[in-house]
Amino acid sequence: MVEIGGRPILWHIMKHYAHHGFREFFITLGYKGEVIKRYFLDYNLMNSSMTIDLSKGAVSPQRRVSEDWVVHLIDTGPDTLTGGRVKRLEQWLKDETFMLTYGDGVSNVDLRELVRFHRSHGKLATVTAVRPPARFGGLILEGGQVRFTEKSQATEGWINGGFLVFEPGVFRYISGDTTSLEVEVMERLAAEGQLAAYKHDGFWQAMDTIRDVRMLDSLWQRGNPPWKL
């Protein structure tokens, strides 16, 4: 719920999915889940004009600003690990391909193309591989001369950027609440040849530190952030 440009990062992520036509969401709630519930319960109210008759206690909306989303808020416990949270969604997702991401990163990955890639290879899972942003510029040393290079993602290795696509068969790999999606499930899928990687060379940024928050907010305030669609 940390804000970028006055909106929670969760909202930015959901806007990205909705832009590509994916408008039904399951949000697994743990610690401070009530904050997310309150945000969506009040969403229409806080984004609409209204008239309030204080003598009658009546509220009349004048202009509604909303999203065409269906949002399922599922309590999954404060201590459940990432794999366990996915497992708790099995009753709703057991019959079809589904997508998954974390709540702390934004990107301009083409989600429709990601799904097309996933369906083309026939494996149980696809992970979006990204290059992490470099934290520092580089030095090129030529003889006794020094030349500076700009920060770049191109020379960094590939990492899991989230934006995953799964077939229901992945539920067989999750034993319960104490299962880690990254350490146990995805490593086992990879070992069994059931995990493919979709390489994304475009923008991707996780929000792990206050420095990341300030950087993303600065990009938004400039008016044309790379993930805005």
C-alpha atoms as a PDB file:
ATOM      1  CA  MET A   1       0.000   0.000   0.000  1.00  0.00           C
ATOM      2  CA  VAL A   2       3.022   2.306  -0.194  1.00  0.00           C
ATOM      3  CA  GLU A   3       2.068   5.084  -2.582  1.00  0.00           C
ATOM      4  CA  ILE A   4       3.560   6.180  -5.880  1.00  0.00           C
ATOM      5  CA  GLY A   5       2.029   9.406  -7.158  1.00  0.00           C
ATOM      6  CA  GLY A   6      -0.686   9.267  -4.521  1.00  0.00           C
ATOM      7  CA  ARG A   7      -1.791   5.714  -5.425  1.00  0.00           C
ATOM      8  CA  PRO A   8      -0.734   2.429  -3.767  1.00  0.00           C
ATOM      9  CA  ILE A   9       1.721   0.381  -5.791  1.00  0.00           C
ATOM     10  CA  LEU A  10      -0.927  -2.362  -5.735  1.00  0.00           C
ATOM     11  CA  TRP A  11      -3.203  -0.056  -7.768  1.00  0.00           C
ATOM     12  CA  HIS A  12      -0.434   0.567 -10.330  1.00  0.00           C
ATOM     13  CA  ILE A  13       0.089  -3.184 -10.750  1.00  0.00           C
ATOM     14  CA  MET A  14      -3.627  -3.847 -11.160  1.00  0.00           C
ATOM     15  CA  LYS A  15      -3.969  -1.030 -13.706  1.00  0.00           C
ATOM     16  CA  HIS A  16      -1.210  -2.729 -15.705  1.00  0.00           C
ATOM     17  CA  TYR A  17      -3.093  -6.046 -15.753  1.00  0.00           C
ATOM     18  CA  ALA A  18      -6.412  -4.354 -16.530  1.00  0.00           C
ATOM     19  CA  HIS A  19      -4.862  -2.516 -19.487  1.00  0.00           C
ATOM     20  CA  HIS A  20      -4.041  -5.903 -21.013  1.00  0.00           C
ATOM     21  CA  GLY A  21      -7.557  -7.205 -20.407  1.00  0.00           C
ATOM     22  CA  PHE A  22      -7.097  -9.061 -17.099  1.00  0.00           C
ATOM     23  CA  ARG A  23      -9.625  -7.574 -14.689  1.00  0.00           C
ATOM     24  CA  GLU A  24     -10.422 -10.264 -12.113  1.00  0.00           C
ATOM     25  CA  PHE A  25      -8.026 -10.322  -9.182  1.00  0.00           C
ATOM     26  CA  PHE A  26      -7.386 -12.505  -6.169  1.00  0.00           C
ATOM     27  CA  ILE A  27      -5.368 -10.725  -3.492  1.00  0.00           C
ATOM     28  CA  THR A  28      -3.973 -12.957  -0.761  1.00  0.00           C
ATOM     29  CA  LEU A  29      -4.055 -11.080   2.530  1.00  0.00           C
ATOM     30  CA  GLY A  30      -1.732 -11.499   5.467  1.00  0.00           C
ATOM     31  CA  TYR A  31      -0.184  -8.928   7.786  1.00  0.00           C
ATOM     32  CA  LYS A  32      -2.185  -5.658   7.701  1.00  0.00           C
ATOM     33  CA  GLY A  33      -4.685  -7.215   5.305  1.00  0.00           C
ATOM     34  CA  GLU A  34      -7.382  -5.024   6.831  1.00  0.00           C
ATOM     35  CA  VAL A  35      -5.712  -1.976   5.276  1.00  0.00           C
ATOM     36  CA  ILE A  36      -6.166  -3.443   1.791  1.00  0.00           C
ATOM     37  CA  LYS A  37      -9.767  -4.406   2.575  1.00  0.00           C
ATOM     38  CA  ARG A  38     -10.518  -0.884   3.732  1.00  0.00           C
ATOM     39  CA  TYR A  39      -8.944   0.614   0.614  1.00  0.00           C
ATOM     40  CA  PHE A  40     -11.192  -1.358  -1.736  1.00  0.00           C
ATOM     41  CA  LEU A  41     -14.303  -0.989   0.422  1.00  0.00           C
ATOM     42  CA  ASP A  42     -13.881   2.791   0.294  1.00  0.00           C
ATOM     43  CA  TYR A  43     -12.598   2.953  -3.290  1.00  0.00           C
ATOM     44  CA  ASN A  44     -15.773   4.243  -4.968  1.00  0.00           C
ATOM     45  CA  LEU A  45     -16.572   6.578  -2.095  1.00  0.00           C
ATOM     46  CA  MET A  46     -13.131   8.149  -2.004  1.00  0.00           C
ATOM     47  CA  ASN A  47     -12.943   8.547  -5.778  1.00  0.00           C
ATOM     48  CA  SER A  48     -16.373  10.104  -6.304  1.00  0.00           C
ATOM     49  CA  SER A  49     -18.006  13.485  -5.877  1.00  0.00           C
ATOM     50  CA  MET A  50     -20.916  13.491  -3.447  1.00  0.00           C
ATOM     51  CA  THR A  51     -23.512  15.528  -1.579  1.00  0.00           C
ATOM     52  CA  ILE A  52     -23.917  14.978   2.152  1.00  0.00           C
ATOM     53  CA  ASP A  53     -27.079  16.060   3.921  1.00  0.00           C
ATOM     54  CA  LEU A  54     -25.859  16.362   7.487  1.00  0.00           C
ATOM     55  CA  SER A  55     -29.361  16.790   8.937  1.00  0.00           C
ATOM     56  CA  LYS A  56     -30.524  13.474   7.474  1.00  0.00           C
ATOM     57  CA  GLY A  57     -27.231  11.611   7.360  1.00  0.00           C
ATOM     58  CA  ALA A  58     -27.837  10.981   3.667  1.00  0.00           C
ATOM     59  CA  VAL A  59     -25.055  10.658   1.102  1.00  0.00           C
ATOM     60  CA  SER A  60     -25.815  11.125  -2.598  1.00  0.00           C
ATOM     61  CA  PRO A  61     -23.026  10.331  -5.077  1.00  0.00           C
ATOM     62  CA  GLN A  62     -22.706  12.897  -7.863  1.00  0.00           C
ATOM     63  CA  ARG A  63     -19.985  11.449 -10.028  1.00  0.00           C
ATOM     64  CA  ARG A  64     -18.508   7.990  -9.736  1.00  0.00           C
ATOM     65  CA  VAL A  65     -14.954   7.212 -10.750  1.00  0.00           C
ATOM     66  CA  SER A  66     -14.331   3.500 -10.595  1.00  0.00           C
ATOM     67  CA  GLU A  67     -12.640   0.535 -12.246  1.00  0.00           C
ATOM     68  CA  ASP A  68     -14.275  -2.381 -14.049  1.00  0.00           C
ATOM     69  CA  TRP A  69     -12.485  -4.843 -11.803  1.00  0.00           C
ATOM     70  CA  VAL A  70     -13.651  -7.788  -9.713  1.00  0.00           C
ATOM     71  CA  VAL A  71     -11.438  -8.034  -6.640  1.00  0.00           C
ATOM     72  CA  HIS A  72     -11.440 -11.078  -4.340  1.00  0.00           C
ATOM     73  CA  LEU A  73      -9.773 -10.385  -0.995  1.00  0.00           C
ATOM     74  CA  ILE A  74      -8.749 -13.727   0.503  1.00  0.00           C
ATOM     75  CA  ASP A  75      -7.403 -14.025   4.037  1.00  0.00           C
ATOM     76  CA  THR A  76      -4.433 -16.410   3.963  1.00  0.00           C
ATOM     77  CA  GLY A  77      -2.986 -15.872   7.436  1.00  0.00           C
ATOM     78  CA  PRO A  78      -0.175 -13.640   8.707  1.00  0.00           C
ATOM     79  CA  ASP A  79       2.518 -16.334   8.690  1.00  0.00           C
ATOM     80  CA  THR A  80       1.741 -18.251   5.486  1.00  0.00           C
ATOM     81  CA  LEU A  81       4.628 -18.404   3.007  1.00  0.00           C
ATOM     82  CA  THR A  82       4.316 -17.477  -0.671  1.00  0.00           C
ATOM     83  CA  GLY A  83       3.590 -20.984  -1.910  1.00  0.00           C
ATOM     84  CA  GLY A  84       1.044 -21.539   0.832  1.00  0.00           C
ATOM     85  CA  ARG A  85      -0.804 -18.381  -0.172  1.00  0.00           C
ATOM     86  CA  VAL A  86      -1.094 -19.657  -3.732  1.00  0.00           C
ATOM     87  CA  LYS A  87      -2.261 -23.053  -2.462  1.00  0.00           C
ATOM     88  CA  ARG A  88      -5.111 -21.388  -0.586  1.00  0.00           C
ATOM     89  CA  LEU A  89      -6.476 -20.134  -3.911  1.00  0.00           C
ATOM     90  CA  GLU A  90      -6.740 -23.622  -5.387  1.00  0.00           C
ATOM     91  CA  GLN A  91     -10.534 -23.878  -5.024  1.00  0.00           C
ATOM     92  CA  TRP A  92     -10.951 -20.861  -7.322  1.00  0.00           C
ATOM     93  CA  LEU A  93      -8.062 -21.411  -9.755  1.00  0.00           C
ATOM     94  CA  LYS A  94      -7.886 -25.187 -10.143  1.00  0.00           C
ATOM     95  CA  ASP A  95      -9.563 -25.336 -13.568  1.00  0.00           C
ATOM     96  CA  GLU A  96      -7.701 -22.792 -15.702  1.00  0.00           C
ATOM     97  CA  THR A  97      -4.447 -21.014 -16.465  1.00  0.00           C
ATOM     98  CA  PHE A  98      -3.813 -18.161 -14.049  1.00  0.00           C
ATOM     99  CA  MET A  99      -1.321 -15.337 -13.616  1.00  0.00           C
ATOM    100  CA  LEU A 100       0.494 -14.286 -10.478  1.00  0.00           C
ATOM    101  CA  THR A 101       2.724 -11.444  -9.380  1.00  0.00           C
ATOM    102  CA  TYR A 102       4.062  -9.879  -6.217  1.00  0.00           C
ATOM    103  CA  GLY A 103       2.842  -6.606  -4.752  1.00  0.00           C
ATOM    104  CA  ASP A 104       6.103  -4.695  -4.876  1.00  0.00           C
ATOM    105  CA  GLY A 105       7.208  -4.201  -8.472  1.00  0.00           C
ATOM    106  CA  VAL A 106       6.136  -2.382 -11.629  1.00  0.00           C
ATOM    107  CA  SER A 107       7.014  -3.080 -15.242  1.00  0.00           C
ATOM    108  CA  ASN A 108       5.929  -2.485 -18.819  1.00  0.00           C
ATOM    109  CA  VAL A 109       5.975  -6.189 -19.727  1.00  0.00           C
ATOM    110  CA  ASP A 110       3.415  -7.120 -22.399  1.00  0.00           C
ATOM    111  CA  LEU A 111       1.173  -9.451 -20.410  1.00  0.00           C
ATOM    112  CA  ARG A 112      -0.780 -10.727 -23.419  1.00  0.00           C
ATOM    113  CA  GLU A 113       2.471 -11.672 -25.129  1.00  0.00           C
ATOM    114  CA  LEU A 114       3.606 -13.332 -21.893  1.00  0.00           C
ATOM    115  CA  VAL A 115       0.470 -15.511 -21.892  1.00  0.00           C
ATOM    116  CA  ARG A 116       0.945 -16.356 -25.575  1.00  0.00           C
ATOM    117  CA  PHE A 117       4.515 -17.414 -24.856  1.00  0.00           C
ATOM    118  CA  HIS A 118       3.371 -19.542 -21.919  1.00  0.00           C
ATOM    119  CA  ARG A 119       0.787 -21.376 -23.997  1.00  0.00           C
ATOM    120  CA  SER A 120       3.299 -22.009 -26.775  1.00  0.00           C
ATOM    121  CA  HIS A 121       5.672 -24.210 -24.771  1.00  0.00           C
ATOM    122  CA  GLY A 122       3.280 -26.491 -22.853  1.00  0.00           C
ATOM    123  CA  LYS A 123       5.069 -26.349 -19.502  1.00  0.00           C
ATOM    124  CA  LEU A 124       3.371 -25.843 -16.140  1.00  0.00           C
ATOM    125  CA  ALA A 125       4.910 -22.464 -15.397  1.00  0.00           C
ATOM    126  CA  THR A 126       6.477 -19.384 -16.929  1.00  0.00           C
ATOM    127  CA  VAL A 127       8.539 -16.806 -15.086  1.00  0.00           C
ATOM    128  CA  THR A 128       9.308 -13.358 -16.460  1.00  0.00           C
ATOM    129  CA  ALA A 129      13.076 -12.946 -16.477  1.00  0.00           C
ATOM    130  CA  VAL A 130      14.325  -9.377 -16.090  1.00  0.00           C
ATOM    131  CA  ARG A 131      17.646  -7.654 -15.666  1.00  0.00           C
ATOM    132  CA  PRO A 132      17.862  -5.810 -12.331  1.00  0.00           C
ATOM    133  CA  PRO A 133      18.654  -2.105 -12.587  1.00  0.00           C
ATOM    134  CA  ALA A 134      22.308  -1.418 -11.916  1.00  0.00           C
ATOM    135  CA  ARG A 135      22.898   0.596  -8.758  1.00  0.00           C
ATOM    136  CA  PHE A 136      26.124   2.210  -9.896  1.00  0.00           C
ATOM    137  CA  GLY A 137      27.694   3.529 -13.070  1.00  0.00           C
ATOM    138  CA  GLY A 138      30.793   1.809 -14.370  1.00  0.00           C
ATOM    139  CA  LEU A 139      34.376   2.703 -15.032  1.00  0.00           C
ATOM    140  CA  ILE A 140      36.232   1.814 -18.216  1.00  0.00           C
ATOM    141  CA  LEU A 141      39.992   1.858 -17.730  1.00  0.00           C
ATOM    142  CA  GLU A 142      42.069   2.319 -20.870  1.00  0.00           C
ATOM    143  CA  GLY A 143      45.749   2.650 -20.148  1.00  0.00           C
ATOM    144  CA  GLY A 144      46.014   5.470 -17.679  1.00  0.00           C
ATOM    145  CA  GLN A 145      42.684   6.986 -18.710  1.00  0.00           C
ATOM    146  CA  VAL A 146      39.335   6.592 -16.997  1.00  0.00           C
ATOM    147  CA  ARG A 147      35.957   6.805 -18.718  1.00  0.00           C
ATOM    148  CA  PHE A 148      32.598   6.691 -16.946  1.00  0.00           C
ATOM    149  CA  THR A 149      29.620   4.687 -18.223  1.00  0.00           C
ATOM    150  CA  GLU A 150      25.964   5.201 -17.383  1.00  0.00           C
ATOM    151  CA  LYS A 151      23.999   2.806 -15.218  1.00  0.00           C
ATOM    152  CA  SER A 152      22.597   0.005 -17.341  1.00  0.00           C
ATOM    153  CA  GLN A 153      20.481  -3.093 -17.028  1.00  0.00           C
ATOM    154  CA  ALA A 154      22.038  -4.719 -20.077  1.00  0.00           C
ATOM    155  CA  THR A 155      25.097  -6.128 -18.326  1.00  0.00           C
ATOM    156  CA  GLU A 156      23.254  -7.494 -15.307  1.00  0.00           C
ATOM    157  CA  GLY A 157      22.215 -11.149 -15.014  1.00  0.00           C
ATOM    158  CA  TRP A 158      18.644 -12.366 -15.326  1.00  0.00           C
ATOM    159  CA  ILE A 159      16.470 -12.594 -12.202  1.00  0.00           C
ATOM    160  CA  ASN A 160      12.882 -13.553 -11.375  1.00  0.00           C
ATOM    161  CA  GLY A 161      10.857 -10.404 -11.999  1.00  0.00           C
ATOM    162  CA  GLY A 162       7.525 -11.883 -10.954  1.00  0.00           C
ATOM    163  CA  PHE A 163       4.727 -11.722 -13.563  1.00  0.00           C
ATOM    164  CA  LEU A 164       4.282 -15.483 -13.563  1.00  0.00           C
ATOM    165  CA  VAL A 165       1.865 -17.707 -15.480  1.00  0.00           C
ATOM    166  CA  PHE A 166       0.817 -21.066 -14.028  1.00  0.00           C
ATOM    167  CA  GLU A 167      -1.219 -24.075 -14.997  1.00  0.00           C
ATOM    168  CA  PRO A 168      -3.353 -25.661 -12.245  1.00  0.00           C
ATOM    169  CA  GLY A 169      -0.891 -28.544 -12.116  1.00  0.00           C
ATOM    170  CA  VAL A 170       1.432 -26.392  -9.986  1.00  0.00           C
ATOM    171  CA  PHE A 171      -0.860 -26.943  -7.014  1.00  0.00           C
ATOM    172  CA  ARG A 172       0.530 -30.497  -6.814  1.00  0.00           C
ATOM    173  CA  TYR A 173       3.918 -28.973  -5.984  1.00  0.00           C
ATOM    174  CA  ILE A 174       2.647 -27.038  -2.952  1.00  0.00           C
ATOM    175  CA  SER A 175       2.244 -29.011   0.252  1.00  0.00           C
ATOM    176  CA  GLY A 176       0.816 -26.332   2.515  1.00  0.00           C
ATOM    177  CA  ASP A 177       1.249 -23.011   4.308  1.00  0.00           C
ATOM    178  CA  THR A 178       4.966 -23.489   4.987  1.00  0.00           C
ATOM    179  CA  THR A 179       5.893 -23.954   1.312  1.00  0.00           C
ATOM    180  CA  SER A 180       7.989 -21.269  -0.346  1.00  0.00           C
ATOM    181  CA  LEU A 181       6.996 -20.590  -3.944  1.00  0.00           C
ATOM    182  CA  GLU A 182      10.478 -19.436  -4.916  1.00  0.00           C
ATOM    183  CA  VAL A 183      12.679 -21.915  -3.049  1.00  0.00           C
ATOM    184  CA  GLU A 184      10.663 -25.115  -3.206  1.00  0.00           C
ATOM    185  CA  VAL A 185       8.049 -24.904  -5.937  1.00  0.00           C
ATOM    186  CA  MET A 186       9.854 -23.047  -8.696  1.00  0.00           C
ATOM    187  CA  GLU A 187      13.179 -24.803  -8.153  1.00  0.00           C
ATOM    188  CA  ARG A 188      11.433 -28.167  -8.383  1.00  0.00           C
ATOM    189  CA  LEU A 189       9.558 -27.084 -11.518  1.00  0.00           C
ATOM    190  CA  ALA A 190      12.867 -26.021 -13.051  1.00  0.00           C
ATOM    191  CA  ALA A 191      14.540 -29.307 -12.108  1.00  0.00           C
ATOM    192  CA  GLU A 192      11.713 -31.252 -13.762  1.00  0.00           C
ATOM    193  CA  GLY A 193      11.783 -29.151 -16.942  1.00  0.00           C
ATOM    194  CA  GLN A 194       8.399 -27.593 -16.212  1.00  0.00           C
ATOM    195  CA  LEU A 195       9.512 -23.949 -15.939  1.00  0.00           C
ATOM    196  CA  ALA A 196      10.143 -21.638 -18.898  1.00  0.00           C
ATOM    197  CA  ALA A 197      11.472 -18.070 -18.869  1.00  0.00           C
ATOM    198  CA  TYR A 198      10.012 -15.173 -20.802  1.00  0.00           C
ATOM    199  CA  LYS A 199      12.782 -12.609 -21.261  1.00  0.00           C
ATOM    200  CA  HIS A 200      11.728  -8.998 -20.754  1.00  0.00           C
ATOM    201  CA  ASP A 201      14.302  -6.393 -21.745  1.00  0.00           C
ATOM    202  CA  GLY A 202      12.071  -3.403 -20.973  1.00  0.00           C
ATOM    203  CA  PHE A 203      11.411  -1.500 -17.791  1.00  0.00           C
ATOM    204  CA  TRP A 204      11.168  -3.325 -14.472  1.00  0.00           C
ATOM    205  CA  GLN A 205      11.689  -2.016 -10.974  1.00  0.00           C
ATOM    206  CA  ALA A 206      11.071  -3.547  -7.570  1.00  0.00           C
ATOM    207  CA  MET A 207      10.244  -1.293  -4.641  1.00  0.00           C
ATOM    208  CA  ASP A 208      12.393  -2.685  -1.848  1.00  0.00           C
ATOM    209  CA  THR A 209      13.772   0.448  -0.182  1.00  0.00           C
ATOM    210  CA  ILE A 210      12.811   4.065   0.486  1.00  0.00           C
ATOM    211  CA  ARG A 211      15.274   4.960  -2.266  1.00  0.00           C
ATOM    212  CA  ASP A 212      13.182   2.884  -4.705  1.00  0.00           C
ATOM    213  CA  VAL A 213       9.985   4.597  -3.519  1.00  0.00           C
ATOM    214  CA  ARG A 214      11.449   8.036  -4.131  1.00  0.00           C
ATOM    215  CA  MET A 215      12.791   7.056  -7.531  1.00  0.00           C
ATOM    216  CA  LEU A 216       9.463   5.607  -8.714  1.00  0.00           C
ATOM    217  CA  ASP A 217       7.527   8.560  -7.341  1.00  0.00           C
ATOM    218  CA  SER A 218       9.896  10.915  -9.145  1.00  0.00           C
ATOM    219  CA  LEU A 219       9.286   9.071 -12.421  1.00  0.00           C
ATOM    220  CA  TRP A 220       5.529   9.374 -11.897  1.00  0.00           C
ATOM    221  CA  GLN A 221       5.704  13.079 -11.093  1.00  0.00           C
ATOM    222  CA  ARG A 222       7.553  13.744 -14.348  1.00  0.00           C
ATOM    223  CA  GLY A 223       4.377  12.691 -16.135  1.00  0.00           C
ATOM    224  CA  ASN A 224       5.408   9.705 -18.237  1.00  0.00           C
ATOM    225  CA  PRO A 225       6.550   6.788 -16.075  1.00  0.00           C
ATOM    226  CA  PRO A 226       7.598   3.718 -18.137  1.00  0.00           C
ATOM    227  CA  TRP A 227       4.925   1.457 -16.609  1.00  0.00           C
ATOM    228  CA  LYS A 228       2.001   3.836 -17.171  1.00  0.00           C
ATOM    229  CA  LEU A 229      -0.315   2.567 -19.927  1.00  0.00           C
END
